[in-house]
Amino acid sequence: MIKKTRSASERLEREIEVALDPGHFVGDGACYSFVSDLEEVEDDIGTLIAETFPAPM
């Protein structure tokens, strides 16, 4: 389980980095795309958290 979580967290870390695109200016015309990419990563993080830490019953 730890190995799965580690690889999933590494994948998400990479997705976050790609979505944020450090060092790149986000112009007015690209704002929608930028936010859309961040929202996709947010959904992936939520899924990972739900799978890793299921809600108590």
PDB file of N, CA and C in Angstrom:
ATOM      1  N   MET A   1       0.834  -1.207   0.000  1.00  0.00           N
ATOM      2  CA  MET A   1       0.000   0.000   0.000  1.00  0.00           C
ATOM      3  C   MET A   1       0.863   1.250   0.000  1.00  0.00           C
ATOM      4  N   ILE A   2       1.931   1.241   0.780  1.00  0.00           N
ATOM      5  CA  ILE A   2       2.790   2.419   0.842  1.00  0.00           C
ATOM      6  C   ILE A   2       3.425   2.682  -0.514  1.00  0.00           C
ATOM      7  N   LYS A   3       3.885   1.610  -1.176  1.00  0.00           N
ATOM      8  CA  LYS A   3       4.499   1.782  -2.486  1.00  0.00           C
ATOM      9  C   LYS A   3       3.507   2.377  -3.486  1.00  0.00           C
ATOM     10  N   LYS A   4       2.259   1.898  -3.459  1.00  0.00           N
ATOM     11  CA  LYS A   4       1.227   2.426  -4.343  1.00  0.00           C
ATOM     12  C   LYS A   4       0.997   3.905  -4.056  1.00  0.00           C
ATOM     13  N   THR A   5       0.906   4.249  -2.781  1.00  0.00           N
ATOM     14  CA  THR A   5       0.675   5.636  -2.398  1.00  0.00           C
ATOM     15  C   THR A   5       1.846   6.506  -2.830  1.00  0.00           C
ATOM     16  N   ARG A   6       3.055   5.997  -2.649  1.00  0.00           N
ATOM     17  CA  ARG A   6       4.222   6.781  -3.031  1.00  0.00           C
ATOM     18  C   ARG A   6       4.211   7.060  -4.532  1.00  0.00           C
ATOM     19  N   SER A   7       3.975   6.042  -5.345  1.00  0.00           N
ATOM     20  CA  SER A   7       3.979   6.255  -6.785  1.00  0.00           C
ATOM     21  C   SER A   7       2.823   7.161  -7.200  1.00  0.00           C
ATOM     22  N   ALA A   8       1.681   7.036  -6.540  1.00  0.00           N
ATOM     23  CA  ALA A   8       0.544   7.907  -6.837  1.00  0.00           C
ATOM     24  C   ALA A   8       0.871   9.338  -6.435  1.00  0.00           C
ATOM     25  N   SER A   9       1.511   9.511  -5.279  1.00  0.00           N
ATOM     26  CA  SER A   9       1.843  10.865  -4.844  1.00  0.00           C
ATOM     27  C   SER A   9       2.918  11.480  -5.738  1.00  0.00           C
ATOM     28  N   GLU A  10       3.851  10.655  -6.200  1.00  0.00           N
ATOM     29  CA  GLU A  10       4.865  11.165  -7.127  1.00  0.00           C
ATOM     30  C   GLU A  10       4.224  11.596  -8.444  1.00  0.00           C
ATOM     31  N   ARG A  11       3.253  10.800  -8.913  1.00  0.00           N
ATOM     32  CA  ARG A  11       2.539  11.149 -10.148  1.00  0.00           C
ATOM     33  C   ARG A  11       1.790  12.459  -9.964  1.00  0.00           C
ATOM     34  N   LEU A  12       1.107  12.609  -8.820  1.00  0.00           N
ATOM     35  CA  LEU A  12       0.370  13.841  -8.567  1.00  0.00           C
ATOM     36  C   LEU A  12       1.298  15.032  -8.419  1.00  0.00           C
ATOM     37  N   GLU A  13       2.441  14.814  -7.780  1.00  0.00           N
ATOM     38  CA  GLU A  13       3.412  15.902  -7.659  1.00  0.00           C
ATOM     39  C   GLU A  13       3.840  16.377  -9.043  1.00  0.00           C
ATOM     40  N   ARG A  14       4.069  15.448  -9.944  1.00  0.00           N
ATOM     41  CA  ARG A  14       4.460  15.805 -11.312  1.00  0.00           C
ATOM     42  C   ARG A  14       3.327  16.531 -12.028  1.00  0.00           C
ATOM     43  N   GLU A  15       2.078  16.056 -11.841  1.00  0.00           N
ATOM     44  CA  GLU A  15       0.926  16.717 -12.465  1.00  0.00           C
ATOM     45  C   GLU A  15       0.775  18.151 -11.969  1.00  0.00           C
ATOM     46  N   ILE A  16       0.981  18.361 -10.669  1.00  0.00           N
ATOM     47  CA  ILE A  16       0.896  19.705 -10.096  1.00  0.00           C
ATOM     48  C   ILE A  16       1.961  20.593 -10.713  1.00  0.00           C
ATOM     49  N   GLU A  17       3.173  20.068 -10.808  1.00  0.00           N
ATOM     50  CA  GLU A  17       4.261  20.855 -11.379  1.00  0.00           C
ATOM     51  C   GLU A  17       3.970  21.224 -12.829  1.00  0.00           C
ATOM     52  N   VAL A  18       3.462  20.261 -13.591  1.00  0.00           N
ATOM     53  CA  VAL A  18       3.135  20.538 -14.993  1.00  0.00           C
ATOM     54  C   VAL A  18       2.011  21.574 -15.085  1.00  0.00           C
ATOM     55  N   ALA A  19       0.989  21.442 -14.221  1.00  0.00           N
ATOM     56  CA  ALA A  19      -0.141  22.379 -14.252  1.00  0.00           C
ATOM     57  C   ALA A  19       0.293  23.791 -13.874  1.00  0.00           C
ATOM     58  N   LEU A  20       1.173  23.900 -12.880  1.00  0.00           N
ATOM     59  CA  LEU A  20       1.623  25.226 -12.447  1.00  0.00           C
ATOM     60  C   LEU A  20       2.623  25.834 -13.423  1.00  0.00           C
ATOM     61  N   ASP A  21       3.354  24.984 -14.137  1.00  0.00           N
ATOM     62  CA  ASP A  21       4.316  25.429 -15.151  1.00  0.00           C
ATOM     63  C   ASP A  21       5.229  26.527 -14.609  1.00  0.00           C
ATOM     64  N   PRO A  22       6.049  26.187 -13.578  1.00  0.00           N
ATOM     65  CA  PRO A  22       6.918  27.183 -12.950  1.00  0.00           C
ATOM     66  C   PRO A  22       7.796  27.914 -13.966  1.00  0.00           C
ATOM     67  N   GLY A  23       7.923  29.202 -13.761  1.00  0.00           N
ATOM     68  CA  GLY A  23       8.765  30.025 -14.627  1.00  0.00           C
ATOM     69  C   GLY A  23       8.079  30.485 -15.895  1.00  0.00           C
ATOM     70  N   HIS A  24       6.819  30.107 -16.076  1.00  0.00           N
ATOM     71  CA  HIS A  24       6.092  30.482 -17.289  1.00  0.00           C
ATOM     72  C   HIS A  24       5.001  31.480 -16.938  1.00  0.00           C
ATOM     73  N   PHE A  25       4.962  32.580 -17.644  1.00  0.00           N
ATOM     74  CA  PHE A  25       3.943  33.610 -17.429  1.00  0.00           C
ATOM     75  C   PHE A  25       2.612  33.139 -17.999  1.00  0.00           C
ATOM     76  N   VAL A  26       1.547  33.292 -17.228  1.00  0.00           N
ATOM     77  CA  VAL A  26       0.206  32.937 -17.687  1.00  0.00           C
ATOM     78  C   VAL A  26      -0.480  34.230 -18.121  1.00  0.00           C
ATOM     79  N   GLY A  27      -0.608  34.384 -19.396  1.00  0.00           N
ATOM     80  CA  GLY A  27      -1.242  35.582 -19.939  1.00  0.00           C
ATOM     81  C   GLY A  27      -2.751  35.520 -19.828  1.00  0.00           C
ATOM     82  N   ASP A  28      -3.400  36.642 -20.112  1.00  0.00           N
ATOM     83  CA  ASP A  28      -4.858  36.725 -20.004  1.00  0.00           C
ATOM     84  C   ASP A  28      -5.561  35.675 -20.850  1.00  0.00           C
ATOM     85  N   GLY A  29      -5.053  35.403 -22.034  1.00  0.00           N
ATOM     86  CA  GLY A  29      -5.692  34.449 -22.932  1.00  0.00           C
ATOM     87  C   GLY A  29      -5.571  33.007 -22.467  1.00  0.00           C
ATOM     88  N   ALA A  30      -4.667  32.735 -21.549  1.00  0.00           N
ATOM     89  CA  ALA A  30      -4.429  31.361 -21.102  1.00  0.00           C
ATOM     90  C   ALA A  30      -4.999  31.083 -19.708  1.00  0.00           C
ATOM     91  N   CYS A  31      -5.644  32.048 -19.106  1.00  0.00           N
ATOM     92  CA  CYS A  31      -6.139  31.893 -17.730  1.00  0.00           C
ATOM     93  C   CYS A  31      -7.124  30.739 -17.598  1.00  0.00           C
ATOM     94  N   TYR A  32      -8.067  30.626 -18.519  1.00  0.00           N
ATOM     95  CA  TYR A  32      -9.073  29.572 -18.431  1.00  0.00           C
ATOM     96  C   TYR A  32      -8.412  28.197 -18.488  1.00  0.00           C
ATOM     97  N   SER A  33      -7.495  28.008 -19.415  1.00  0.00           N
ATOM     98  CA  SER A  33      -6.787  26.739 -19.556  1.00  0.00           C
ATOM     99  C   SER A  33      -5.969  26.427 -18.312  1.00  0.00           C
ATOM    100  N   PHE A  34      -5.303  27.437 -17.770  1.00  0.00           N
ATOM    101  CA  PHE A  34      -4.479  27.270 -16.574  1.00  0.00           C
ATOM    102  C   PHE A  34      -5.333  26.805 -15.394  1.00  0.00           C
ATOM    103  N   VAL A  35      -6.445  27.467 -15.170  1.00  0.00           N
ATOM    104  CA  VAL A  35      -7.333  27.119 -14.057  1.00  0.00           C
ATOM    105  C   VAL A  35      -7.954  25.743 -14.292  1.00  0.00           C
ATOM    106  N   SER A  36      -8.315  25.439 -15.508  1.00  0.00           N
ATOM    107  CA  SER A  36      -8.881  24.140 -15.839  1.00  0.00           C
ATOM    108  C   SER A  36      -7.891  23.018 -15.517  1.00  0.00           C
ATOM    109  N   ASP A  37      -6.629  23.214 -15.856  1.00  0.00           N
ATOM    110  CA  ASP A  37      -5.596  22.224 -15.534  1.00  0.00           C
ATOM    111  C   ASP A  37      -5.463  22.049 -14.024  1.00  0.00           C
ATOM    112  N   LEU A  38      -5.502  23.136 -13.278  1.00  0.00           N
ATOM    113  CA  LEU A  38      -5.413  23.047 -11.821  1.00  0.00           C
ATOM    114  C   LEU A  38      -6.613  22.314 -11.232  1.00  0.00           C
ATOM    115  N   GLU A  39      -7.791  22.542 -11.787  1.00  0.00           N
ATOM    116  CA  GLU A  39      -8.986  21.855 -11.291  1.00  0.00           C
ATOM    117  C   GLU A  39      -8.919  20.348 -11.559  1.00  0.00           C
ATOM    118  N   GLU A  40      -8.327  19.953 -12.668  1.00  0.00           N
ATOM    119  CA  GLU A  40      -8.151  18.527 -12.953  1.00  0.00           C
ATOM    120  C   GLU A  40      -7.236  17.888 -11.912  1.00  0.00           C
ATOM    121  N   VAL A  41      -6.157  18.572 -11.576  1.00  0.00           N
ATOM    122  CA  VAL A  41      -5.239  18.063 -10.563  1.00  0.00           C
ATOM    123  C   VAL A  41      -5.939  18.015  -9.209  1.00  0.00           C
ATOM    124  N   GLU A  42      -6.759  19.005  -8.917  1.00  0.00           N
ATOM    125  CA  GLU A  42      -7.514  19.017  -7.661  1.00  0.00           C
ATOM    126  C   GLU A  42      -8.403  17.777  -7.559  1.00  0.00           C
ATOM    127  N   ASP A  43      -9.071  17.427  -8.648  1.00  0.00           N
ATOM    128  CA  ASP A  43      -9.916  16.230  -8.662  1.00  0.00           C
ATOM    129  C   ASP A  43      -9.086  14.969  -8.417  1.00  0.00           C
ATOM    130  N   ASP A  44      -7.907  14.894  -9.045  1.00  0.00           N
ATOM    131  CA  ASP A  44      -7.025  13.737  -8.861  1.00  0.00           C
ATOM    132  C   ASP A  44      -6.570  13.620  -7.409  1.00  0.00           C
ATOM    133  N   ILE A  45      -6.263  14.742  -6.791  1.00  0.00           N
ATOM    134  CA  ILE A  45      -5.843  14.741  -5.389  1.00  0.00           C
ATOM    135  C   ILE A  45      -6.994  14.269  -4.500  1.00  0.00           C
ATOM    136  N   GLY A  46      -8.187  14.740  -4.772  1.00  0.00           N
ATOM    137  CA  GLY A  46      -9.354  14.313  -4.008  1.00  0.00           C
ATOM    138  C   GLY A  46      -9.584  12.815  -4.122  1.00  0.00           C
ATOM    139  N   THR A  47      -9.418  12.276  -5.305  1.00  0.00           N
ATOM    140  CA  THR A  47      -9.567  10.839  -5.513  1.00  0.00           C
ATOM    141  C   THR A  47      -8.509  10.070  -4.746  1.00  0.00           C
ATOM    142  N   LEU A  48      -7.268  10.532  -4.807  1.00  0.00           N
ATOM    143  CA  LEU A  48      -6.178   9.873  -4.087  1.00  0.00           C
ATOM    144  C   LEU A  48      -6.433   9.879  -2.581  1.00  0.00           C
ATOM    145  N   ILE A  49      -6.885  10.990  -2.056  1.00  0.00           N
ATOM    146  CA  ILE A  49      -7.169  11.087  -0.619  1.00  0.00           C
ATOM    147  C   ILE A  49      -8.299  10.136  -0.237  1.00  0.00           C
ATOM    148  N   ALA A  50      -9.340  10.088  -1.051  1.00  0.00           N
ATOM    149  CA  ALA A  50     -10.471   9.202  -0.764  1.00  0.00           C
ATOM    150  C   ALA A  50     -10.053   7.734  -0.796  1.00  0.00           C
ATOM    151  N   GLU A  51      -9.167   7.382  -1.713  1.00  0.00           N
ATOM    152  CA  GLU A  51      -8.699   6.001  -1.813  1.00  0.00           C
ATOM    153  C   GLU A  51      -7.738   5.659  -0.672  1.00  0.00           C
ATOM    154  N   THR A  52      -6.925   6.623  -0.268  1.00  0.00           N
ATOM    155  CA  THR A  52      -5.910   6.372   0.747  1.00  0.00           C
ATOM    156  C   THR A  52      -6.497   6.409   2.151  1.00  0.00           C
ATOM    157  N   PHE A  53      -7.411   7.332   2.389  1.00  0.00           N
ATOM    158  CA  PHE A  53      -8.001   7.510   3.709  1.00  0.00           C
ATOM    159  C   PHE A  53      -9.520   7.429   3.606  1.00  0.00           C
ATOM    160  N   PRO A  54     -10.051   6.213   3.517  1.00  0.00           N
ATOM    161  CA  PRO A  54     -11.521   6.096   3.388  1.00  0.00           C
ATOM    162  C   PRO A  54     -12.233   6.689   4.603  1.00  0.00           C
ATOM    163  N   ALA A  55     -13.400   7.228   4.366  1.00  0.00           N
ATOM    164  CA  ALA A  55     -14.179   7.837   5.453  1.00  0.00           C
ATOM    165  C   ALA A  55     -14.597   6.761   6.448  1.00  0.00           C
ATOM    166  N   PRO A  56     -14.519   7.063   7.737  1.00  0.00           N
ATOM    167  CA  PRO A  56     -14.949   6.079   8.744  1.00  0.00           C
ATOM    168  C   PRO A  56     -16.457   5.850   8.651  1.00  0.00           C
ATOM    169  N   MET A  57     -16.834   4.642   8.979  1.00  0.00           N
ATOM    170  CA  MET A  57     -18.276   4.306   8.903  1.00  0.00           C
ATOM    171  C   MET A  57     -18.945   4.460  10.214  1.00  0.00           C
TER     172      MET A  57
END
